[in-house]
Amino acid sequence: MSLAPFIKNAEPKKDATTLLVTTANEEYAIPLKEIDSIFLLFCIKGKPLTEDGPVHIYDNRKDKEQTPIKNVQAFKIT
């Protein structure tokens, strides 16, 4: 599922430039200008991502064998 509609619906401030994704171990900065290529995976074969979820984050511009961002705990727009 594309992340862009959710971010746009949140109506970030005009000077916002970055989506910060906090995981159990790291923080990732995704430029808002690239948000259209970001997708969320909520389940595999109809089963929720319980071990390393609740979502996995993929970048549509990268190859299909990319390592997703897992163990997502928070999103923050700055």
C-alpha atoms as a PDB file:
ATOM      1  CA  MET A   1       0.000   0.000   0.000  1.00  0.00           C
ATOM      2  CA  SER A   2       1.357   3.389  -0.939  1.00  0.00           C
ATOM      3  CA  LEU A   3       2.338   5.606   2.007  1.00  0.00           C
ATOM      4  CA  ALA A   4       1.949   8.884   0.092  1.00  0.00           C
ATOM      5  CA  PRO A   5      -1.849   9.301   0.484  1.00  0.00           C
ATOM      6  CA  PHE A   6      -1.563   8.943   4.274  1.00  0.00           C
ATOM      7  CA  ILE A   7       1.230  11.516   4.501  1.00  0.00           C
ATOM      8  CA  LYS A   8      -0.596  13.960   2.228  1.00  0.00           C
ATOM      9  CA  ASN A   9      -3.821  13.497   4.197  1.00  0.00           C
ATOM     10  CA  ALA A  10      -1.934  14.378   7.392  1.00  0.00           C
ATOM     11  CA  GLU A  11      -1.282  17.818   5.824  1.00  0.00           C
ATOM     12  CA  PRO A  12       2.362  18.303   6.843  1.00  0.00           C
ATOM     13  CA  LYS A  13       3.584  21.847   7.387  1.00  0.00           C
ATOM     14  CA  LYS A  14       4.754  23.586   4.231  1.00  0.00           C
ATOM     15  CA  ASP A  15       8.346  23.650   5.481  1.00  0.00           C
ATOM     16  CA  ALA A  16       8.394  19.901   6.300  1.00  0.00           C
ATOM     17  CA  THR A  17      11.007  18.016   4.304  1.00  0.00           C
ATOM     18  CA  THR A  18      11.540  14.635   5.953  1.00  0.00           C
ATOM     19  CA  LEU A  19       9.695  11.573   7.198  1.00  0.00           C
ATOM     20  CA  LEU A  20      11.550  10.058  10.146  1.00  0.00           C
ATOM     21  CA  VAL A  21      10.901   6.359  10.641  1.00  0.00           C
ATOM     22  CA  THR A  22      11.841   4.997  14.052  1.00  0.00           C
ATOM     23  CA  THR A  23      12.438   1.272  14.440  1.00  0.00           C
ATOM     24  CA  ALA A  24      13.489  -0.820  17.401  1.00  0.00           C
ATOM     25  CA  ASN A  25      17.160  -0.183  16.553  1.00  0.00           C
ATOM     26  CA  GLU A  26      17.505   2.762  14.161  1.00  0.00           C
ATOM     27  CA  GLU A  27      16.013   5.910  12.722  1.00  0.00           C
ATOM     28  CA  TYR A  28      15.649   6.390   8.969  1.00  0.00           C
ATOM     29  CA  ALA A  29      15.161   9.723   7.199  1.00  0.00           C
ATOM     30  CA  ILE A  30      13.110   9.649   4.007  1.00  0.00           C
ATOM     31  CA  PRO A  31      12.830  12.906   2.041  1.00  0.00           C
ATOM     32  CA  LEU A  32       9.180  13.852   1.552  1.00  0.00           C
ATOM     33  CA  LYS A  33       9.888  14.537  -2.123  1.00  0.00           C
ATOM     34  CA  GLU A  34      10.516  10.763  -2.480  1.00  0.00           C
ATOM     35  CA  ILE A  35       7.416   9.655  -0.556  1.00  0.00           C
ATOM     36  CA  ASP A  36       5.575   8.567  -3.728  1.00  0.00           C
ATOM     37  CA  SER A  37       7.965   5.615  -4.065  1.00  0.00           C
ATOM     38  CA  ILE A  38       7.449   4.324  -0.501  1.00  0.00           C
ATOM     39  CA  PHE A  39       5.129   1.384   0.120  1.00  0.00           C
ATOM     40  CA  LEU A  40       4.006  -0.422   3.261  1.00  0.00           C
ATOM     41  CA  LEU A  41       3.524  -4.158   3.608  1.00  0.00           C
ATOM     42  CA  PHE A  42       1.021  -5.094   6.328  1.00  0.00           C
ATOM     43  CA  CYS A  43       0.741  -8.840   5.823  1.00  0.00           C
ATOM     44  CA  ILE A  44       2.138 -11.851   3.977  1.00  0.00           C
ATOM     45  CA  LYS A  45      -0.282 -14.445   2.612  1.00  0.00           C
ATOM     46  CA  GLY A  46      -3.085 -12.805   4.588  1.00  0.00           C
ATOM     47  CA  LYS A  47      -1.245 -13.060   7.917  1.00  0.00           C
ATOM     48  CA  PRO A  48      -0.227  -9.916   9.858  1.00  0.00           C
ATOM     49  CA  LEU A  49       3.460  -9.202  10.379  1.00  0.00           C
ATOM     50  CA  THR A  50       3.597 -10.088  14.065  1.00  0.00           C
ATOM     51  CA  GLU A  51       7.305 -10.919  14.508  1.00  0.00           C
ATOM     52  CA  ASP A  52       8.930  -7.897  12.872  1.00  0.00           C
ATOM     53  CA  GLY A  53       5.967  -5.667  12.015  1.00  0.00           C
ATOM     54  CA  PRO A  54       3.496  -4.100  12.257  1.00  0.00           C
ATOM     55  CA  VAL A  55       4.651  -2.965   8.790  1.00  0.00           C
ATOM     56  CA  HIS A  56       7.603  -3.348   6.463  1.00  0.00           C
ATOM     57  CA  ILE A  57       8.678  -0.354   4.400  1.00  0.00           C
ATOM     58  CA  TYR A  58       9.822  -0.768   0.793  1.00  0.00           C
ATOM     59  CA  ASP A  59      11.135   1.724  -1.760  1.00  0.00           C
ATOM     60  CA  ASN A  60       9.607   1.129  -5.188  1.00  0.00           C
ATOM     61  CA  ARG A  61      12.725   2.596  -6.857  1.00  0.00           C
ATOM     62  CA  LYS A  62      14.923  -0.208  -5.533  1.00  0.00           C
ATOM     63  CA  ASP A  63      15.084  -3.811  -6.739  1.00  0.00           C
ATOM     64  CA  LYS A  64      12.601  -6.421  -5.586  1.00  0.00           C
ATOM     65  CA  GLU A  65      15.233  -8.150  -3.438  1.00  0.00           C
ATOM     66  CA  GLN A  66      15.792  -5.113  -1.204  1.00  0.00           C
ATOM     67  CA  THR A  67      15.903  -5.410   2.559  1.00  0.00           C
ATOM     68  CA  PRO A  68      12.842  -3.616   3.921  1.00  0.00           C
ATOM     69  CA  ILE A  69      12.732  -1.434   7.001  1.00  0.00           C
ATOM     70  CA  LYS A  70      11.208  -3.637   9.732  1.00  0.00           C
ATOM     71  CA  ASN A  71      10.145  -3.290  13.374  1.00  0.00           C
ATOM     72  CA  VAL A  72       8.652   0.142  12.707  1.00  0.00           C
ATOM     73  CA  GLN A  73       7.617   1.911  15.901  1.00  0.00           C
ATOM     74  CA  ALA A  74       6.885   5.493  14.839  1.00  0.00           C
ATOM     75  CA  PHE A  75       6.608   8.002  11.997  1.00  0.00           C
ATOM     76  CA  LYS A  76       7.392  11.693  12.424  1.00  0.00           C
ATOM     77  CA  ILE A  77       7.272  14.434   9.811  1.00  0.00           C
ATOM     78  CA  THR A  78       9.853  17.175  10.258  1.00  0.00           C
END
